[in-house]
Amino acid sequence: MNIVQVGPFPLSADCIRGGVESSVFGLVNELSNNHVVDVFDYPRINGKDSVERKGPLTVHRYANPGNHNQDAVDRGKEILRDIVALHPDIVHIHGTGGLSGALYSAVKTYGIPVLLTVHGLLHIEKKNALIKHPSLKHLYQLFVQSRAEFKVLNEAEHVIVDTEYVAEQIKHLHSKKKISHLPWMYVVPQGIQSQYLQVSPEKPMTPTIFSVGSISQRKGHLLLVKAFEIVHKTVPSAKLIIAGTLTEEAYYSQLQNEIEKLHLKQSVELLTNIPQEQLLQKYQEATIFALHSQEESQGIALVEAMATGLPIVSTLVGGIPFVVKNGETGLLSKYGDIDSFANNMIKLLTNEDQRTKISELARHTAQSYSWPEIAKAIDTVYHRIITNAHI
């Protein structure tokens, strides 16, 4: 089968930035074991046009001609031309932004079977951001990105979502008439790289809380730091390590100021854009994993943490409760409830029996997120769509 994947593809396997990059990377590499795969990376600011061939896998890259992600749409016609020239059996597009929607519509006009993966609804993310942090920037993002998302969802015939939560949100948009068309939805989670399933957890001398997520308001790092202040009073030797791609400079500065204000500079470490090897090492050295996110469709970092045997402390939002079973593979509390979040971290840091029990179940649960299993499920979806297209 000749398969085209369209979505963010990492510049290097050593530094994967964000959940969608990780998802596209894992799927593409697994599919290329049995199929011919061409992946079209979204145009990057300061990037270069190139074609990289690696056996049955070819990576097409494009430069973004402007200074904003929206400017990437200008390369759409060229990307479409290169996709159509390959005569693929199916095109799989990742994301619901402007370029994703434009390519989806265009590919359909050529009669090529096409599939869309919704990696979390932009409408929900931007709406939450506006409510919690009102600004003209967030209002503009909500308007522009929701409009693009509604357009592609109205056209999409087949959609992959990573949790039942996202499926329910799409149905809700349909019931509220935000979208007039309800696509056929397949629930297939995003997988994780095999390295995480092979990590042997260590017993750190220092109680260590590890958090992974882009340095942005949505990931709730500021609230995590405030909760850690409470933890530190009960467990003075505890450390907090926050790692993630730096996406919001102003938020990063705010985070640094908060750490200094709370006199936690000796106990909190911020790591940005670190290589995969270092990230794996930090997972291995941690005691528990914590993420005070305000919205997740699935949360790949949560599954990566479970695979390495880390009990999870997180929030009761979005798709997280579909991934982390409260009381079984982690402890969950309401977003913004700093006291409950801190107490959950304290419970797991100070109760080794509970921590061990949760750790074993977390590692077992994560096995079902291996890419060979996920790719097999997606391969089945491809065959179904292609078969229906030829009826």
Protein backbone atom coordinates (compact mmCIF):
# COMPACT_ATOMS: atom_id res chain seq x y z
CA MET A 1 0.00 0.00 0.00
CA ASN A 2 1.22 3.52 -0.82
CA ILE A 3 0.38 5.75 2.14
CA VAL A 4 0.77 9.51 2.53
CA GLN A 5 0.93 10.98 6.02
CA VAL A 6 0.55 14.75 6.46
CA GLY A 7 1.53 16.25 9.81
CA PRO A 8 4.41 17.59 11.92
CA PHE A 9 7.38 15.23 11.65
CA PRO A 10 10.42 15.74 13.92
CA LEU A 11 13.59 17.16 12.45
CA SER A 12 15.49 14.65 14.57
CA ALA A 13 14.49 11.44 16.34
CA ASP A 14 16.60 12.69 19.25
CA CYS A 15 14.36 15.71 19.89
CA ILE A 16 10.63 15.18 19.39
CA ARG A 17 8.61 18.30 20.19
CA GLY A 18 5.06 17.72 21.28
CA GLY A 19 2.48 14.94 21.25
CA VAL A 20 1.45 15.27 17.60
CA GLU A 21 5.07 15.05 16.38
CA SER A 22 5.53 11.98 18.54
CA SER A 23 2.34 10.42 17.19
CA VAL A 24 3.17 11.02 13.52
CA PHE A 25 6.76 9.82 14.05
CA GLY A 26 5.70 6.59 15.75
CA LEU A 27 2.96 5.76 13.24
CA VAL A 28 5.06 6.55 10.16
CA ASN A 29 7.99 4.43 11.31
CA GLU A 30 5.77 1.47 12.16
CA LEU A 31 3.78 1.64 8.90
CA SER A 32 6.98 1.82 6.83
CA ASN A 33 7.81 -1.73 7.97
CA ASN A 34 5.02 -3.04 5.72
CA HIS A 35 4.11 -0.20 3.34
CA VAL A 36 5.60 2.54 1.18
CA VAL A 37 5.13 5.72 3.19
CA ASP A 38 5.61 9.37 2.25
CA VAL A 39 5.30 11.84 5.11
CA PHE A 40 4.73 15.54 4.42
CA ASP A 41 5.97 17.68 7.30
CA TYR A 42 4.07 20.92 7.87
CA PRO A 43 6.06 23.95 6.63
CA ARG A 44 8.43 25.27 9.30
CA ILE A 45 9.48 28.84 9.97
CA ASN A 46 13.18 29.14 9.01
CA GLY A 47 12.94 25.64 7.52
CA LYS A 48 14.22 24.42 4.13
CA ASP A 49 12.62 22.54 1.25
CA SER A 50 14.02 19.01 1.07
CA VAL A 51 13.21 15.39 0.31
CA GLU A 52 14.82 12.71 2.50
CA ARG A 53 14.56 9.08 1.34
CA LYS A 54 15.09 6.29 3.88
CA GLY A 55 14.15 3.00 2.22
CA PRO A 56 10.35 2.69 2.07
CA LEU A 57 10.01 6.00 3.96
CA THR A 58 10.34 9.41 2.31
CA VAL A 59 10.12 12.67 4.25
CA HIS A 60 9.07 15.84 2.37
CA ARG A 61 9.86 19.14 4.09
CA TYR A 62 8.84 22.70 3.23
CA ALA A 63 9.87 26.16 4.39
CA ASN A 64 7.22 28.46 5.87
CA PRO A 65 7.43 31.73 3.87
CA GLY A 66 6.19 33.89 6.76
CA ASN A 67 6.64 34.41 10.49
CA HIS A 68 3.49 32.67 11.74
CA ASN A 69 2.09 29.14 11.52
CA GLN A 70 -0.87 30.46 9.51
CA ASP A 71 1.53 31.48 6.75
CA ALA A 72 2.17 27.79 6.08
CA VAL A 73 -1.12 27.68 4.13
CA ASP A 74 0.65 29.53 1.31
CA ARG A 75 2.58 26.33 0.51
CA GLY A 76 -0.61 24.27 0.28
CA LYS A 77 -0.80 24.15 -3.53
CA GLU A 78 2.75 22.86 -3.84
CA ILE A 79 2.21 20.24 -1.14
CA LEU A 80 -1.00 19.11 -2.84
CA ARG A 81 0.80 18.86 -6.20
CA ASP A 82 3.50 16.66 -4.67
CA ILE A 83 0.94 14.45 -2.90
CA VAL A 84 -1.18 13.88 -6.02
CA ALA A 85 1.93 13.05 -8.09
CA LEU A 86 2.52 10.01 -5.85
CA HIS A 87 -0.90 8.46 -6.67
CA PRO A 88 -1.33 7.25 -3.07
CA ASP A 89 -3.85 4.62 -2.00
CA ILE A 90 -4.80 6.79 0.98
CA VAL A 91 -3.87 10.15 2.50
CA HIS A 92 -3.88 10.49 6.30
CA ILE A 93 -3.95 14.09 7.57
CA HIS A 94 -3.15 14.98 11.18
CA GLY A 95 -4.76 18.03 12.82
CA THR A 96 -7.65 20.41 12.19
CA GLY A 97 -5.85 23.69 11.51
CA GLY A 98 -6.09 25.83 8.38
CA LEU A 99 -3.55 23.92 6.28
CA SER A 100 -4.95 20.53 7.33
CA GLY A 101 -8.44 21.62 6.29
CA ALA A 102 -7.30 23.06 2.97
CA LEU A 103 -5.40 19.89 2.07
CA TYR A 104 -8.28 17.65 3.16
CA SER A 105 -10.72 19.48 0.87
CA ALA A 106 -8.28 19.48 -2.04
CA VAL A 107 -7.31 15.81 -1.76
CA LYS A 108 -11.01 14.85 -1.78
CA THR A 109 -11.53 16.61 -5.11
CA TYR A 110 -9.01 14.23 -6.69
CA GLY A 111 -11.01 11.20 -5.53
CA ILE A 112 -8.20 9.96 -3.27
CA PRO A 113 -9.39 8.22 -0.07
CA VAL A 114 -8.55 10.55 2.83
CA LEU A 115 -8.61 10.20 6.61
CA LEU A 116 -8.35 12.84 9.34
CA THR A 117 -6.92 12.38 12.84
CA VAL A 118 -8.18 14.90 15.41
CA HIS A 119 -5.40 15.39 17.95
CA GLY A 120 -7.63 17.28 20.39
CA LEU A 121 -10.15 19.91 19.40
CA LEU A 122 -8.64 23.36 18.87
CA HIS A 123 -12.05 24.89 19.62
CA ILE A 124 -12.04 23.42 23.13
CA GLU A 125 -8.39 24.30 23.80
CA LYS A 126 -8.76 27.92 22.65
CA LYS A 127 -12.12 28.37 24.39
CA ASN A 128 -10.62 27.18 27.69
CA ALA A 129 -7.61 29.44 27.20
CA LEU A 130 -9.88 32.45 26.62
CA ILE A 131 -12.04 31.71 29.68
CA LYS A 132 -9.10 31.17 32.02
CA HIS A 133 -6.80 33.83 30.53
CA PRO A 134 -8.92 36.48 28.71
CA SER A 135 -7.02 38.40 26.03
CA LEU A 136 -7.47 39.70 22.49
CA LYS A 137 -4.89 37.16 21.33
CA HIS A 138 -6.90 34.23 22.73
CA LEU A 139 -10.13 35.67 21.31
CA TYR A 140 -8.56 35.94 17.86
CA GLN A 141 -7.14 32.40 18.08
CA LEU A 142 -10.53 31.03 19.12
CA PHE A 143 -12.28 32.70 16.19
CA VAL A 144 -9.73 31.80 13.49
CA GLN A 145 -8.90 28.28 14.58
CA SER A 146 -12.46 27.26 15.48
CA ARG A 147 -13.63 28.44 12.07
CA ALA A 148 -10.98 26.34 10.30
CA GLU A 149 -11.72 23.34 12.51
CA PHE A 150 -15.50 23.46 11.98
CA LYS A 151 -14.93 23.65 8.22
CA VAL A 152 -12.79 20.50 8.04
CA LEU A 153 -15.04 18.57 10.45
CA ASN A 154 -18.01 19.40 8.22
CA GLU A 155 -16.20 17.87 5.26
CA ALA A 156 -14.56 14.91 6.99
CA GLU A 157 -16.13 11.53 6.25
CA HIS A 158 -13.74 9.42 8.36
CA VAL A 159 -12.06 10.63 11.55
CA ILE A 160 -9.69 9.00 14.05
CA VAL A 161 -9.93 10.29 17.63
CA ASP A 162 -7.64 9.21 20.46
CA THR A 163 -10.26 8.90 23.22
CA GLU A 164 -14.02 8.62 23.62
CA TYR A 165 -13.83 12.12 25.12
CA VAL A 166 -12.94 13.65 21.75
CA ALA A 167 -15.66 11.62 20.02
CA GLU A 168 -18.23 12.97 22.50
CA GLN A 169 -17.01 16.54 21.99
CA ILE A 170 -17.45 16.21 18.21
CA LYS A 171 -20.96 14.84 18.75
CA HIS A 172 -21.63 17.78 21.09
CA LEU A 173 -20.52 20.26 18.40
CA HIS A 174 -22.93 18.53 16.02
CA SER A 175 -25.82 18.72 18.50
CA LYS A 176 -25.11 22.44 19.04
CA LYS A 177 -25.07 22.88 15.25
CA LYS A 178 -21.49 24.15 15.32
CA ILE A 179 -20.94 21.49 12.66
CA SER A 180 -23.74 20.22 10.45
CA HIS A 181 -22.07 16.95 9.45
CA LEU A 182 -21.11 14.09 11.81
CA PRO A 183 -18.21 12.01 10.45
CA TRP A 184 -17.67 8.30 10.98
CA MET A 185 -15.35 8.11 14.01
CA TYR A 186 -12.78 5.48 14.98
CA VAL A 187 -11.35 5.57 18.51
CA VAL A 188 -7.66 4.65 18.25
CA PRO A 189 -5.26 6.01 20.90
CA GLN A 190 -1.93 7.58 20.11
CA GLY A 191 0.95 5.23 20.76
CA ILE A 192 4.28 5.65 22.48
CA GLN A 193 7.85 4.88 21.41
CA SER A 194 9.17 1.43 22.36
CA GLN A 195 12.00 2.95 24.45
CA TYR A 196 9.53 3.94 27.15
CA LEU A 197 8.23 0.39 27.48
CA GLN A 198 11.81 -0.84 27.97
CA VAL A 199 12.81 1.57 30.75
CA SER A 200 13.72 -0.08 34.05
CA PRO A 201 12.66 2.29 36.85
CA GLU A 202 15.25 3.16 39.46
CA LYS A 203 14.64 3.98 43.11
CA PRO A 204 15.85 7.59 43.39
CA MET A 205 17.52 8.70 46.60
CA THR A 206 15.66 12.01 46.35
CA PRO A 207 11.83 12.05 46.06
CA THR A 208 11.42 13.45 42.56
CA ILE A 209 8.31 14.72 40.78
CA PHE A 210 8.65 14.82 37.01
CA SER A 211 6.40 16.76 34.62
CA VAL A 212 6.49 16.80 30.82
CA GLY A 213 4.51 19.19 28.65
CA SER A 214 5.08 22.19 26.41
CA ILE A 215 5.89 25.30 28.43
CA SER A 216 2.50 26.90 27.91
CA GLN A 217 -0.53 27.97 29.94
CA ARG A 218 -2.54 24.92 28.84
CA LYS A 219 -0.19 22.57 30.67
CA GLY A 220 -0.71 24.33 34.01
CA HIS A 221 2.91 24.40 35.17
CA LEU A 222 2.32 27.51 37.31
CA LEU A 223 -0.36 25.69 39.29
CA LEU A 224 1.95 22.67 39.59
CA VAL A 225 4.65 24.88 41.11
CA LYS A 226 2.16 26.33 43.59
CA ALA A 227 1.08 22.83 44.56
CA PHE A 228 4.71 21.81 44.90
CA GLU A 229 5.22 24.59 47.46
CA ILE A 230 2.73 22.73 49.70
CA VAL A 231 4.46 19.41 49.02
CA HIS A 232 7.85 20.89 49.87
CA LYS A 233 6.67 21.86 53.35
CA THR A 234 5.75 18.23 54.08
CA VAL A 235 8.57 16.57 52.10
CA PRO A 236 11.45 19.10 52.27
CA SER A 237 13.81 16.85 50.29
CA ALA A 238 11.43 16.63 47.32
CA LYS A 239 12.45 17.93 43.88
CA LEU A 240 10.32 19.01 40.93
CA ILE A 241 11.60 18.75 37.35
CA ILE A 242 9.57 20.31 34.52
CA ALA A 243 10.59 19.44 30.95
CA GLY A 244 8.99 20.60 27.71
CA THR A 245 9.21 22.42 24.43
CA LEU A 246 9.39 26.18 24.97
CA THR A 247 6.34 27.54 23.13
CA GLU A 248 5.36 30.60 25.21
CA GLU A 249 8.30 32.80 26.23
CA ALA A 250 6.17 35.08 28.44
CA TYR A 251 4.76 32.10 30.33
CA TYR A 252 8.25 30.69 30.81
CA SER A 253 9.37 33.98 32.38
CA GLN A 254 6.29 33.99 34.59
CA LEU A 255 7.13 30.46 35.68
CA GLN A 256 10.71 31.43 36.54
CA ASN A 257 9.49 34.43 38.56
CA GLU A 258 7.02 32.28 40.50
CA ILE A 259 9.71 29.75 41.40
CA GLU A 260 11.94 32.55 42.67
CA LYS A 261 9.09 34.25 44.56
CA LEU A 262 8.27 30.99 46.37
CA HIS A 263 11.96 30.44 47.22
CA LEU A 264 12.03 27.13 45.34
CA LYS A 265 15.01 27.71 43.03
CA GLN A 266 17.02 24.98 44.77
CA SER A 267 14.20 22.45 44.44
CA VAL A 268 12.69 23.13 40.99
CA GLU A 269 14.46 22.54 37.68
CA LEU A 270 13.20 23.73 34.28
CA LEU A 271 14.43 21.87 31.20
CA THR A 272 13.49 23.07 27.70
CA ASN A 273 13.84 21.29 24.36
CA ILE A 274 15.90 18.43 25.78
CA PRO A 275 16.95 15.42 23.65
CA GLN A 276 15.02 12.16 23.85
CA GLU A 277 17.83 10.33 25.64
CA GLN A 278 17.86 12.87 28.48
CA LEU A 279 14.07 12.79 28.69
CA LEU A 280 14.12 9.00 29.12
CA GLN A 281 16.77 9.33 31.80
CA LYS A 282 14.63 11.80 33.74
CA TYR A 283 11.64 9.46 33.57
CA GLN A 284 13.82 6.68 34.91
CA GLU A 285 15.09 8.77 37.82
CA ALA A 286 11.67 10.09 38.91
CA THR A 287 9.42 8.90 41.73
CA ILE A 288 6.06 10.10 40.37
CA PHE A 289 4.75 12.02 37.37
CA ALA A 290 2.55 15.14 37.68
CA LEU A 291 0.71 17.25 35.11
CA HIS A 292 -1.80 19.96 36.11
CA SER A 293 -3.21 20.34 32.59
CA GLN A 294 -6.34 22.32 31.80
CA GLU A 295 -7.12 20.29 28.64
CA GLU A 296 -5.86 17.09 27.04
CA SER A 297 -7.42 14.90 24.39
CA GLN A 298 -5.26 11.97 25.53
CA GLY A 299 -1.91 13.14 26.86
CA ILE A 300 0.95 11.08 25.40
CA ALA A 301 3.30 12.11 28.23
CA LEU A 302 0.92 10.45 30.70
CA VAL A 303 1.19 7.13 28.86
CA GLU A 304 4.97 7.49 28.52
CA ALA A 305 5.18 8.02 32.26
CA MET A 306 3.00 4.98 32.98
CA ALA A 307 5.19 2.88 30.68
CA THR A 308 8.23 3.78 32.78
CA GLY A 309 6.36 2.75 35.94
CA LEU A 310 5.54 6.21 37.28
CA PRO A 311 2.29 6.72 39.22
CA ILE A 312 0.37 9.69 37.81
CA VAL A 313 -0.98 12.78 39.54
CA SER A 314 -3.12 14.81 37.15
CA THR A 315 -6.41 16.59 36.57
CA LEU A 316 -9.97 15.46 35.88
CA VAL A 317 -10.16 17.15 32.48
CA GLY A 318 -10.66 16.14 28.86
CA GLY A 319 -9.46 12.66 27.94
CA ILE A 320 -7.21 12.21 30.99
CA PRO A 321 -9.74 10.09 32.98
CA PHE A 322 -9.98 7.79 29.93
CA VAL A 323 -6.22 7.19 30.12
CA VAL A 324 -5.45 7.40 33.83
CA LYS A 325 -7.82 5.41 36.04
CA ASN A 326 -8.29 7.33 39.28
CA GLY A 327 -7.07 5.25 42.24
CA GLU A 328 -5.60 2.57 39.96
CA THR A 329 -2.90 4.05 37.71
CA GLY A 330 -2.86 7.47 39.33
CA LEU A 331 -4.67 10.06 41.43
CA LEU A 332 -6.79 12.75 39.79
CA SER A 333 -8.31 16.00 41.10
CA LYS A 334 -10.17 18.99 39.67
CA TYR A 335 -8.21 21.50 37.61
CA GLY A 336 -7.28 24.46 39.80
CA ASP A 337 -7.69 22.57 43.10
CA ILE A 338 -4.11 23.09 44.25
CA ASP A 339 -4.62 21.64 47.73
CA SER A 340 -6.05 18.33 46.46
CA PHE A 341 -3.37 18.11 43.78
CA ALA A 342 -0.63 18.68 46.38
CA ASN A 343 -2.16 16.11 48.74
CA ASN A 344 -2.20 13.52 45.96
CA MET A 345 1.50 14.11 45.31
CA ILE A 346 2.25 13.83 49.03
CA LYS A 347 0.29 10.55 49.28
CA LEU A 348 2.31 8.94 46.53
CA LEU A 349 5.66 10.31 47.66
CA THR A 350 5.19 9.08 51.23
CA ASN A 351 3.34 5.77 50.70
CA GLU A 352 5.68 3.27 49.07
CA ASP A 353 3.16 0.39 49.10
CA GLN A 354 0.54 2.44 47.24
CA ARG A 355 3.18 3.77 44.87
CA THR A 356 4.43 0.26 44.04
CA LYS A 357 0.92 -1.08 43.44
CA ILE A 358 0.03 1.81 41.13
CA SER A 359 3.39 1.56 39.35
CA GLU A 360 2.88 -2.10 38.42
CA LEU A 361 -0.63 -1.50 37.07
CA ALA A 362 0.54 1.61 35.17
CA ARG A 363 3.29 -0.35 33.38
CA HIS A 364 0.83 -3.11 32.49
CA THR A 365 -1.74 -0.60 31.15
CA ALA A 366 0.84 1.15 28.98
CA GLN A 367 1.59 -2.06 27.04
CA SER A 368 -1.61 -1.59 25.03
CA TYR A 369 -0.24 1.71 23.66
CA SER A 370 2.68 0.15 21.77
CA TRP A 371 2.96 1.36 18.17
CA PRO A 372 2.78 -2.13 16.58
CA GLU A 373 -0.67 -2.58 18.16
CA ILE A 374 -1.84 0.95 17.30
CA ALA A 375 -0.55 0.79 13.71
CA LYS A 376 -2.33 -2.53 13.20
CA ALA A 377 -5.63 -0.91 14.22
CA ILE A 378 -5.05 2.07 11.92
CA ASP A 379 -4.07 -0.25 9.06
CA THR A 380 -7.49 -1.91 9.45
CA VAL A 381 -9.15 1.52 9.21
CA TYR A 382 -7.21 2.26 5.99
CA HIS A 383 -8.38 -0.96 4.34
CA ARG A 384 -11.98 -0.25 5.31
CA ILE A 385 -11.89 3.26 3.85
CA ILE A 386 -10.16 2.16 0.64
CA THR A 387 -12.59 -0.73 0.16
CA ASN A 388 -15.61 1.55 0.66
CA ALA A 389 -14.15 4.10 -1.75
CA HIS A 390 -14.09 1.50 -4.53
CA ILE A 391 -17.62 0.18 -3.99
